[in-house]
Amino acid sequence: MARTRAFALFVAVLLVLSGCKAFFEFNLFSSVDKAAVPDPSKYQGAGGLANLQADLQSHAIMQALSGDPATVATILANLDAAYGVTTTVPSNSSEQIAAILYSDLYLQTTSGDELVNSVVANVLTQPPGNLKSILSSIVPADVAADITKFTTMVTGLLQANIAYDNLGQSLAVLPPPPGMNMGDTAQKAAVAFLMYKVDQAVIVAVGAPLAIAEMFALINNQPNSIAGVVLSPANPLNPISGAGLHPPSLQRIFDAAGAPYPA
């Protein structure tokens, strides 16, 4: 019961951060006209981060990029090369902003945004620790039916988690970057960490090479080796349900958002 109450508090914090609205909101009229796929060079050099921040608010541009994974991969690689998003802890505000935008782009082009939106709505109804129930409740139906989409989504969340972890580490010595919505960042970082914990539990059971395929088989009632896996502690999807489950980096992101992280 204590862990269940703790998880309820955790989700309540996410609801406060989101204002009980969808985590990813767009101008509904922006999708009327189709946008061309941007040239990756648009997001490099002076003004590149500002351009990306603006385009992340455009549903039409995100739709165009979602249909061109090669271009997305180039943009992500350019960000990583220029700012060390997944390899180094940010040492200035530009590197912090790059980490946030890198993660946003990954989530918005790999169905990770849909997963973020579904977590609060569904996960509280699932038995703590029941891997199949949790995954089945939060993975969008179209993603659950397509191994390529599923793999892309999980990979995107895991990569975003690396960037968020580096961002959180930087907050030990730097202030939050200016102009960033840290409440939005906190909720996304929490869900990316959620997927990381699921992935780690499955890796322990079957090894890294089989983890994503086994998760996909599990939620599709196909033969798998993780049907009996129960996440331990009882609910590691809740980063606050036991000692050492949530890293200090995630705590710092919540602190930067001005949101209490229940203990």
C-alpha atoms as a PDB file:
ATOM      1  CA  MET A   1       0.000   0.000   0.000  1.00  0.00           C
ATOM      2  CA  ALA A   2       2.826   2.405   0.820  1.00  0.00           C
ATOM      3  CA  ARG A   3       4.401   1.915  -2.593  1.00  0.00           C
ATOM      4  CA  THR A   4       1.027   2.322  -4.320  1.00  0.00           C
ATOM      5  CA  ARG A   5       0.402   5.581  -2.453  1.00  0.00           C
ATOM      6  CA  ALA A   6       3.892   6.763  -3.339  1.00  0.00           C
ATOM      7  CA  PHE A   7       3.270   6.047  -7.008  1.00  0.00           C
ATOM      8  CA  ALA A   8      -0.035   7.927  -6.821  1.00  0.00           C
ATOM      9  CA  LEU A   9       1.859  10.913  -5.444  1.00  0.00           C
ATOM     10  CA  PHE A  10       4.391  10.635  -8.259  1.00  0.00           C
ATOM     11  CA  VAL A  11       1.655  10.675 -10.903  1.00  0.00           C
ATOM     12  CA  ALA A  12      -0.062  13.539  -9.082  1.00  0.00           C
ATOM     13  CA  VAL A  13       3.126  15.544  -9.529  1.00  0.00           C
ATOM     14  CA  LEU A  14       3.069  14.795 -13.255  1.00  0.00           C
ATOM     15  CA  LEU A  15      -0.540  15.974 -13.397  1.00  0.00           C
ATOM     16  CA  VAL A  16       0.425  19.218 -11.681  1.00  0.00           C
ATOM     17  CA  LEU A  17       3.259  19.709 -14.153  1.00  0.00           C
ATOM     18  CA  SER A  18       0.991  19.075 -17.113  1.00  0.00           C
ATOM     19  CA  GLY A  19      -1.967  21.053 -15.808  1.00  0.00           C
ATOM     20  CA  CYS A  20      -4.073  17.940 -16.535  1.00  0.00           C
ATOM     21  CA  LYS A  21      -3.588  18.559 -20.252  1.00  0.00           C
ATOM     22  CA  ALA A  22      -1.835  16.467 -22.865  1.00  0.00           C
ATOM     23  CA  PHE A  23       1.908  16.686 -22.415  1.00  0.00           C
ATOM     24  CA  PHE A  24       2.512  17.482 -26.073  1.00  0.00           C
ATOM     25  CA  GLU A  25       0.221  20.228 -27.329  1.00  0.00           C
ATOM     26  CA  PHE A  26       0.194  21.676 -30.816  1.00  0.00           C
ATOM     27  CA  ASN A  27      -1.724  24.293 -32.748  1.00  0.00           C
ATOM     28  CA  LEU A  28      -4.488  22.221 -34.341  1.00  0.00           C
ATOM     29  CA  PHE A  29      -4.507  24.384 -37.444  1.00  0.00           C
ATOM     30  CA  SER A  30      -0.795  23.925 -38.063  1.00  0.00           C
ATOM     31  CA  SER A  31      -1.457  20.504 -39.616  1.00  0.00           C
ATOM     32  CA  VAL A  32      -3.679  21.858 -42.397  1.00  0.00           C
ATOM     33  CA  ASP A  33      -0.704  22.555 -44.628  1.00  0.00           C
ATOM     34  CA  LYS A  34       1.969  19.935 -45.090  1.00  0.00           C
ATOM     35  CA  ALA A  35       5.488  21.054 -44.369  1.00  0.00           C
ATOM     36  CA  ALA A  36       8.601  20.114 -46.276  1.00  0.00           C
ATOM     37  CA  VAL A  37      11.262  18.115 -44.491  1.00  0.00           C
ATOM     38  CA  PRO A  38      13.746  20.663 -43.122  1.00  0.00           C
ATOM     39  CA  ASP A  39      17.378  20.610 -44.163  1.00  0.00           C
ATOM     40  CA  PRO A  40      19.452  19.439 -41.175  1.00  0.00           C
ATOM     41  CA  SER A  41      21.764  22.421 -41.644  1.00  0.00           C
ATOM     42  CA  LYS A  42      18.906  24.618 -40.422  1.00  0.00           C
ATOM     43  CA  TYR A  43      19.643  23.368 -36.916  1.00  0.00           C
ATOM     44  CA  GLN A  44      23.392  23.890 -36.960  1.00  0.00           C
ATOM     45  CA  GLY A  45      25.540  26.871 -36.113  1.00  0.00           C
ATOM     46  CA  ALA A  46      24.318  30.215 -34.823  1.00  0.00           C
ATOM     47  CA  GLY A  47      20.567  30.154 -34.457  1.00  0.00           C
ATOM     48  CA  GLY A  48      20.352  26.407 -34.956  1.00  0.00           C
ATOM     49  CA  LEU A  49      19.016  25.614 -31.505  1.00  0.00           C
ATOM     50  CA  ALA A  50      16.487  28.460 -31.706  1.00  0.00           C
ATOM     51  CA  ASN A  51      15.292  27.126 -35.059  1.00  0.00           C
ATOM     52  CA  LEU A  52      14.859  23.648 -33.651  1.00  0.00           C
ATOM     53  CA  GLN A  53      13.057  24.923 -30.568  1.00  0.00           C
ATOM     54  CA  ALA A  54      10.595  26.782 -32.799  1.00  0.00           C
ATOM     55  CA  ASP A  55      10.074  23.854 -35.172  1.00  0.00           C
ATOM     56  CA  LEU A  56       9.396  21.453 -32.310  1.00  0.00           C
ATOM     57  CA  GLN A  57       6.192  23.445 -31.760  1.00  0.00           C
ATOM     58  CA  SER A  58       5.023  22.824 -35.327  1.00  0.00           C
ATOM     59  CA  HIS A  59       2.885  19.724 -35.766  1.00  0.00           C
ATOM     60  CA  ALA A  60       3.325  19.907 -39.551  1.00  0.00           C
ATOM     61  CA  ILE A  61       7.114  19.957 -39.360  1.00  0.00           C
ATOM     62  CA  MET A  62       7.178  17.158 -36.796  1.00  0.00           C
ATOM     63  CA  GLN A  63       4.910  15.084 -39.045  1.00  0.00           C
ATOM     64  CA  ALA A  64       7.265  15.666 -41.952  1.00  0.00           C
ATOM     65  CA  LEU A  65      10.276  14.651 -39.890  1.00  0.00           C
ATOM     66  CA  SER A  66       8.495  11.592 -38.491  1.00  0.00           C
ATOM     67  CA  GLY A  67       8.183  10.339 -42.057  1.00  0.00           C
ATOM     68  CA  ASP A  68      11.891  10.824 -42.734  1.00  0.00           C
ATOM     69  CA  PRO A  69      13.866   8.955 -40.065  1.00  0.00           C
ATOM     70  CA  ALA A  70      17.129   9.388 -41.959  1.00  0.00           C
ATOM     71  CA  THR A  71      16.895  13.173 -41.666  1.00  0.00           C
ATOM     72  CA  VAL A  72      15.963  12.904 -37.991  1.00  0.00           C
ATOM     73  CA  ALA A  73      18.976  10.673 -37.410  1.00  0.00           C
ATOM     74  CA  THR A  74      21.212  13.262 -39.081  1.00  0.00           C
ATOM     75  CA  ILE A  75      19.832  16.077 -36.943  1.00  0.00           C
ATOM     76  CA  LEU A  76      20.252  14.032 -33.772  1.00  0.00           C
ATOM     77  CA  ALA A  77      23.797  13.037 -34.729  1.00  0.00           C
ATOM     78  CA  ASN A  78      24.681  16.658 -35.480  1.00  0.00           C
ATOM     79  CA  LEU A  79      23.371  17.753 -32.084  1.00  0.00           C
ATOM     80  CA  ASP A  80      25.312  15.010 -30.344  1.00  0.00           C
ATOM     81  CA  ALA A  81      28.493  15.864 -32.214  1.00  0.00           C
ATOM     82  CA  ALA A  82      28.223  19.594 -31.550  1.00  0.00           C
ATOM     83  CA  TYR A  83      27.038  19.505 -27.951  1.00  0.00           C
ATOM     84  CA  GLY A  84      27.957  16.054 -26.601  1.00  0.00           C
ATOM     85  CA  VAL A  85      24.318  15.438 -25.706  1.00  0.00           C
ATOM     86  CA  THR A  86      24.695  11.744 -24.871  1.00  0.00           C
ATOM     87  CA  THR A  87      28.398  11.686 -24.077  1.00  0.00           C
ATOM     88  CA  THR A  88      29.118  14.582 -21.727  1.00  0.00           C
ATOM     89  CA  VAL A  89      27.505  16.506 -18.903  1.00  0.00           C
ATOM     90  CA  PRO A  90      26.539  19.990 -20.161  1.00  0.00           C
ATOM     91  CA  SER A  91      28.920  22.725 -19.076  1.00  0.00           C
ATOM     92  CA  ASN A  92      26.876  25.697 -20.311  1.00  0.00           C
ATOM     93  CA  SER A  93      23.284  26.674 -21.079  1.00  0.00           C
ATOM     94  CA  SER A  94      23.586  25.933 -24.807  1.00  0.00           C
ATOM     95  CA  GLU A  95      24.572  22.349 -24.085  1.00  0.00           C
ATOM     96  CA  GLN A  96      21.693  22.060 -21.607  1.00  0.00           C
ATOM     97  CA  ILE A  97      19.231  23.365 -24.190  1.00  0.00           C
ATOM     98  CA  ALA A  98      20.628  20.977 -26.786  1.00  0.00           C
ATOM     99  CA  ALA A  99      20.008  18.047 -24.427  1.00  0.00           C
ATOM    100  CA  ILE A 100      16.383  19.078 -23.949  1.00  0.00           C
ATOM    101  CA  LEU A 101      15.727  19.680 -27.648  1.00  0.00           C
ATOM    102  CA  TYR A 102      17.504  16.457 -28.648  1.00  0.00           C
ATOM    103  CA  SER A 103      15.202  14.511 -26.331  1.00  0.00           C
ATOM    104  CA  ASP A 104      12.093  16.343 -27.514  1.00  0.00           C
ATOM    105  CA  LEU A 105      12.922  15.620 -31.145  1.00  0.00           C
ATOM    106  CA  TYR A 106      13.529  11.953 -30.379  1.00  0.00           C
ATOM    107  CA  LEU A 107      10.223  11.613 -28.523  1.00  0.00           C
ATOM    108  CA  GLN A 108       8.121  13.502 -31.038  1.00  0.00           C
ATOM    109  CA  THR A 109       9.378  11.494 -33.996  1.00  0.00           C
ATOM    110  CA  THR A 110       9.272   8.003 -32.444  1.00  0.00           C
ATOM    111  CA  SER A 111       5.806   7.848 -30.802  1.00  0.00           C
ATOM    112  CA  GLY A 112       7.436   8.494 -27.440  1.00  0.00           C
ATOM    113  CA  ASP A 113       5.165  11.506 -27.052  1.00  0.00           C
ATOM    114  CA  GLU A 114       2.107   9.239 -27.275  1.00  0.00           C
ATOM    115  CA  LEU A 115       3.542   7.031 -24.554  1.00  0.00           C
ATOM    116  CA  VAL A 116       4.155  10.051 -22.339  1.00  0.00           C
ATOM    117  CA  ASN A 117       0.544  11.129 -22.799  1.00  0.00           C
ATOM    118  CA  SER A 118      -0.814   7.697 -21.896  1.00  0.00           C
ATOM    119  CA  VAL A 119       1.198   7.061 -18.739  1.00  0.00           C
ATOM    120  CA  VAL A 120      -0.794   9.234 -16.365  1.00  0.00           C
ATOM    121  CA  ALA A 121      -4.107   8.161 -17.871  1.00  0.00           C
ATOM    122  CA  ASN A 122      -3.509   4.429 -17.559  1.00  0.00           C
ATOM    123  CA  VAL A 123      -0.666   3.284 -15.381  1.00  0.00           C
ATOM    124  CA  LEU A 124      -2.369   3.823 -12.019  1.00  0.00           C
ATOM    125  CA  THR A 125      -4.860   1.076 -12.849  1.00  0.00           C
ATOM    126  CA  GLN A 126      -2.150  -1.530 -13.342  1.00  0.00           C
ATOM    127  CA  PRO A 127      -0.920  -3.950 -10.664  1.00  0.00           C
ATOM    128  CA  PRO A 128       2.497  -2.778  -9.450  1.00  0.00           C
ATOM    129  CA  GLY A 129       5.239  -4.892 -10.915  1.00  0.00           C
ATOM    130  CA  ASN A 130       3.089  -6.592 -13.573  1.00  0.00           C
ATOM    131  CA  LEU A 131       5.232  -6.054 -16.653  1.00  0.00           C
ATOM    132  CA  LYS A 132       2.645  -7.075 -19.251  1.00  0.00           C
ATOM    133  CA  SER A 133      -0.137  -4.982 -17.755  1.00  0.00           C
ATOM    134  CA  ILE A 134       2.069  -1.927 -17.521  1.00  0.00           C
ATOM    135  CA  LEU A 135       3.428  -2.154 -21.060  1.00  0.00           C
ATOM    136  CA  SER A 136       0.061  -3.030 -22.583  1.00  0.00           C
ATOM    137  CA  SER A 137      -1.579  -0.068 -20.905  1.00  0.00           C
ATOM    138  CA  ILE A 138       0.912   2.604 -21.928  1.00  0.00           C
ATOM    139  CA  VAL A 139       2.115   1.611 -25.410  1.00  0.00           C
ATOM    140  CA  PRO A 140      -0.034   3.142 -28.196  1.00  0.00           C
ATOM    141  CA  ALA A 141      -2.016   0.535 -30.153  1.00  0.00           C
ATOM    142  CA  ASP A 142      -0.357   1.239 -33.499  1.00  0.00           C
ATOM    143  CA  VAL A 143       3.081   0.933 -31.897  1.00  0.00           C
ATOM    144  CA  ALA A 144       2.162  -2.280 -30.083  1.00  0.00           C
ATOM    145  CA  ALA A 145       1.202  -3.802 -33.444  1.00  0.00           C
ATOM    146  CA  ASP A 146       4.412  -2.884 -35.283  1.00  0.00           C
ATOM    147  CA  ILE A 147       7.798  -4.206 -34.152  1.00  0.00           C
ATOM    148  CA  THR A 148       9.624  -1.465 -36.069  1.00  0.00           C
ATOM    149  CA  LYS A 149       7.628   1.317 -34.441  1.00  0.00           C
ATOM    150  CA  PHE A 150       7.935  -0.359 -31.059  1.00  0.00           C
ATOM    151  CA  THR A 151      11.695  -0.724 -31.365  1.00  0.00           C
ATOM    152  CA  THR A 152      12.052   2.867 -32.525  1.00  0.00           C
ATOM    153  CA  MET A 153       9.938   4.167 -29.653  1.00  0.00           C
ATOM    154  CA  VAL A 154      11.797   2.234 -26.959  1.00  0.00           C
ATOM    155  CA  THR A 155      15.158   3.190 -28.428  1.00  0.00           C
ATOM    156  CA  GLY A 156      14.112   6.834 -28.545  1.00  0.00           C
ATOM    157  CA  LEU A 157      13.068   6.843 -24.904  1.00  0.00           C
ATOM    158  CA  LEU A 158      16.291   5.148 -23.833  1.00  0.00           C
ATOM    159  CA  GLN A 159      18.383   7.674 -25.756  1.00  0.00           C
ATOM    160  CA  ALA A 160      16.353  10.534 -24.306  1.00  0.00           C
ATOM    161  CA  ASN A 161      16.961   9.131 -20.835  1.00  0.00           C
ATOM    162  CA  ILE A 162      20.725   9.410 -21.385  1.00  0.00           C
ATOM    163  CA  ALA A 163      20.386  13.052 -22.405  1.00  0.00           C
ATOM    164  CA  TYR A 164      18.085  13.822 -19.476  1.00  0.00           C
ATOM    165  CA  ASP A 165      20.493  12.167 -17.063  1.00  0.00           C
ATOM    166  CA  ASN A 166      23.347  14.326 -18.350  1.00  0.00           C
ATOM    167  CA  LEU A 167      21.130  17.393 -18.105  1.00  0.00           C
ATOM    168  CA  GLY A 168      20.231  16.570 -14.515  1.00  0.00           C
ATOM    169  CA  GLN A 169      23.872  16.118 -13.604  1.00  0.00           C
ATOM    170  CA  SER A 170      24.649  19.570 -14.982  1.00  0.00           C
ATOM    171  CA  LEU A 171      22.027  21.089 -12.692  1.00  0.00           C
ATOM    172  CA  ALA A 172      24.255  20.268  -9.728  1.00  0.00           C
ATOM    173  CA  VAL A 173      26.485  23.197 -10.735  1.00  0.00           C
ATOM    174  CA  LEU A 174      24.520  25.191 -13.320  1.00  0.00           C
ATOM    175  CA  PRO A 175      21.145  26.955 -13.177  1.00  0.00           C
ATOM    176  CA  PRO A 176      18.348  25.702 -15.445  1.00  0.00           C
ATOM    177  CA  PRO A 177      18.772  26.920 -19.024  1.00  0.00           C
ATOM    178  CA  PRO A 178      16.845  30.101 -19.868  1.00  0.00           C
ATOM    179  CA  GLY A 179      13.699  29.864 -21.966  1.00  0.00           C
ATOM    180  CA  MET A 180      13.076  26.180 -21.296  1.00  0.00           C
ATOM    181  CA  ASN A 181       9.891  24.748 -19.791  1.00  0.00           C
ATOM    182  CA  MET A 182      11.411  22.660 -17.022  1.00  0.00           C
ATOM    183  CA  GLY A 183       8.021  21.302 -15.954  1.00  0.00           C
ATOM    184  CA  ASP A 184       7.576  19.825 -19.418  1.00  0.00           C
ATOM    185  CA  THR A 185      11.133  18.513 -19.291  1.00  0.00           C
ATOM    186  CA  ALA A 186      10.582  16.924 -15.870  1.00  0.00           C
ATOM    187  CA  GLN A 187       7.556  14.900 -16.910  1.00  0.00           C
ATOM    188  CA  LYS A 188       9.251  13.673 -20.078  1.00  0.00           C
ATOM    189  CA  ALA A 189      12.420  12.815 -18.175  1.00  0.00           C
ATOM    190  CA  ALA A 190      10.378  10.800 -15.679  1.00  0.00           C
ATOM    191  CA  VAL A 191       8.727   8.758 -18.432  1.00  0.00           C
ATOM    192  CA  ALA A 192      12.040   8.197 -20.223  1.00  0.00           C
ATOM    193  CA  PHE A 193      13.434   6.940 -16.929  1.00  0.00           C
ATOM    194  CA  LEU A 194      10.350   4.744 -16.549  1.00  0.00           C
ATOM    195  CA  MET A 195      11.143   2.998 -19.842  1.00  0.00           C
ATOM    196  CA  TYR A 196      14.773   2.668 -18.813  1.00  0.00           C
ATOM    197  CA  LYS A 197      13.732   0.807 -15.656  1.00  0.00           C
ATOM    198  CA  VAL A 198      11.482  -1.516 -17.651  1.00  0.00           C
ATOM    199  CA  ASP A 199      14.247  -2.196 -20.145  1.00  0.00           C
ATOM    200  CA  GLN A 200      16.749  -2.921 -17.392  1.00  0.00           C
ATOM    201  CA  ALA A 201      14.393  -5.407 -15.740  1.00  0.00           C
ATOM    202  CA  VAL A 202      13.938  -7.264 -19.024  1.00  0.00           C
ATOM    203  CA  ILE A 203      17.671  -7.218 -19.758  1.00  0.00           C
ATOM    204  CA  VAL A 204      18.302  -8.928 -16.427  1.00  0.00           C
ATOM    205  CA  ALA A 205      15.880 -11.663 -17.468  1.00  0.00           C
ATOM    206  CA  VAL A 206      16.839 -12.272 -21.107  1.00  0.00           C
ATOM    207  CA  GLY A 207      19.883 -10.151 -21.992  1.00  0.00           C
ATOM    208  CA  ALA A 208      20.152  -6.929 -23.954  1.00  0.00           C
ATOM    209  CA  PRO A 209      19.976  -8.361 -27.502  1.00  0.00           C
ATOM    210  CA  LEU A 210      16.536  -9.874 -26.871  1.00  0.00           C
ATOM    211  CA  ALA A 211      15.008  -7.264 -24.566  1.00  0.00           C
ATOM    212  CA  ILE A 212      12.920  -5.211 -27.001  1.00  0.00           C
ATOM    213  CA  ALA A 213      11.780  -8.234 -29.022  1.00  0.00           C
ATOM    214  CA  GLU A 214      10.702 -10.000 -25.847  1.00  0.00           C
ATOM    215  CA  MET A 215       8.739  -6.967 -24.660  1.00  0.00           C
ATOM    216  CA  PHE A 216       7.003  -6.801 -28.025  1.00  0.00           C
ATOM    217  CA  ALA A 217       6.170 -10.510 -27.916  1.00  0.00           C
ATOM    218  CA  LEU A 218       4.827 -10.174 -24.379  1.00  0.00           C
ATOM    219  CA  ILE A 219       2.307  -7.454 -25.174  1.00  0.00           C
ATOM    220  CA  ASN A 220       1.176  -9.323 -28.285  1.00  0.00           C
ATOM    221  CA  ASN A 221       0.595 -12.647 -26.486  1.00  0.00           C
ATOM    222  CA  GLN A 222       3.344 -14.295 -28.518  1.00  0.00           C
ATOM    223  CA  PRO A 223       5.768 -16.879 -27.109  1.00  0.00           C
ATOM    224  CA  ASN A 224       8.216 -15.088 -24.853  1.00  0.00           C
ATOM    225  CA  SER A 225      10.578 -15.600 -21.952  1.00  0.00           C
ATOM    226  CA  ILE A 226       9.449 -12.753 -19.706  1.00  0.00           C
ATOM    227  CA  ALA A 227       5.796 -13.577 -18.993  1.00  0.00           C
ATOM    228  CA  GLY A 228       6.672 -14.309 -15.391  1.00  0.00           C
ATOM    229  CA  VAL A 229       8.976 -11.362 -14.868  1.00  0.00           C
ATOM    230  CA  VAL A 230       7.817  -9.081 -12.073  1.00  0.00           C
ATOM    231  CA  LEU A 231       9.562  -5.782 -11.700  1.00  0.00           C
ATOM    232  CA  SER A 232      11.480  -5.545  -8.481  1.00  0.00           C
ATOM    233  CA  PRO A 233      11.120  -3.659  -6.195  1.00  0.00           C
ATOM    234  CA  ALA A 234       7.370  -3.991  -6.518  1.00  0.00           C
ATOM    235  CA  ASN A 235       7.062  -0.955  -8.726  1.00  0.00           C
ATOM    236  CA  PRO A 236      10.312   0.394 -10.142  1.00  0.00           C
ATOM    237  CA  LEU A 237       8.231   2.322 -12.656  1.00  0.00           C
ATOM    238  CA  ASN A 238       7.762   4.620  -9.701  1.00  0.00           C
ATOM    239  CA  PRO A 239      11.149   6.271  -9.262  1.00  0.00           C
ATOM    240  CA  ILE A 240      10.255   7.022  -5.642  1.00  0.00           C
ATOM    241  CA  SER A 241       9.068   3.598  -4.484  1.00  0.00           C
ATOM    242  CA  GLY A 242      12.357   2.495  -2.985  1.00  0.00           C
ATOM    243  CA  ALA A 243      15.801   3.631  -2.007  1.00  0.00           C
ATOM    244  CA  GLY A 244      18.106   4.446  -4.889  1.00  0.00           C
ATOM    245  CA  LEU A 245      15.527   3.994  -7.622  1.00  0.00           C
ATOM    246  CA  HIS A 246      15.542   7.511  -8.957  1.00  0.00           C
ATOM    247  CA  PRO A 247      18.890   9.075  -9.733  1.00  0.00           C
ATOM    248  CA  PRO A 248      19.880  12.455  -8.296  1.00  0.00           C
ATOM    249  CA  SER A 249      19.807  13.822 -11.856  1.00  0.00           C
ATOM    250  CA  LEU A 250      16.052  13.254 -12.098  1.00  0.00           C
ATOM    251  CA  GLN A 251      15.552  14.813  -8.686  1.00  0.00           C
ATOM    252  CA  ARG A 252      17.425  17.919  -9.841  1.00  0.00           C
ATOM    253  CA  ILE A 253      15.249  18.260 -12.952  1.00  0.00           C
ATOM    254  CA  PHE A 254      12.157  18.182 -10.746  1.00  0.00           C
ATOM    255  CA  ASP A 255      13.768  20.709  -8.429  1.00  0.00           C
ATOM    256  CA  ALA A 256      14.494  22.983 -11.403  1.00  0.00           C
ATOM    257  CA  ALA A 257      10.819  22.712 -12.370  1.00  0.00           C
ATOM    258  CA  GLY A 258       9.817  23.781  -8.883  1.00  0.00           C
ATOM    259  CA  ALA A 259       7.898  20.534  -8.500  1.00  0.00           C
ATOM    260  CA  PRO A 260       8.109  18.449  -5.324  1.00  0.00           C
ATOM    261  CA  TYR A 261       9.447  14.971  -5.907  1.00  0.00           C
ATOM    262  CA  PRO A 262       7.612  12.882  -3.271  1.00  0.00           C
ATOM    263  CA  ALA A 263       9.950  10.978  -0.982  1.00  0.00           C
END
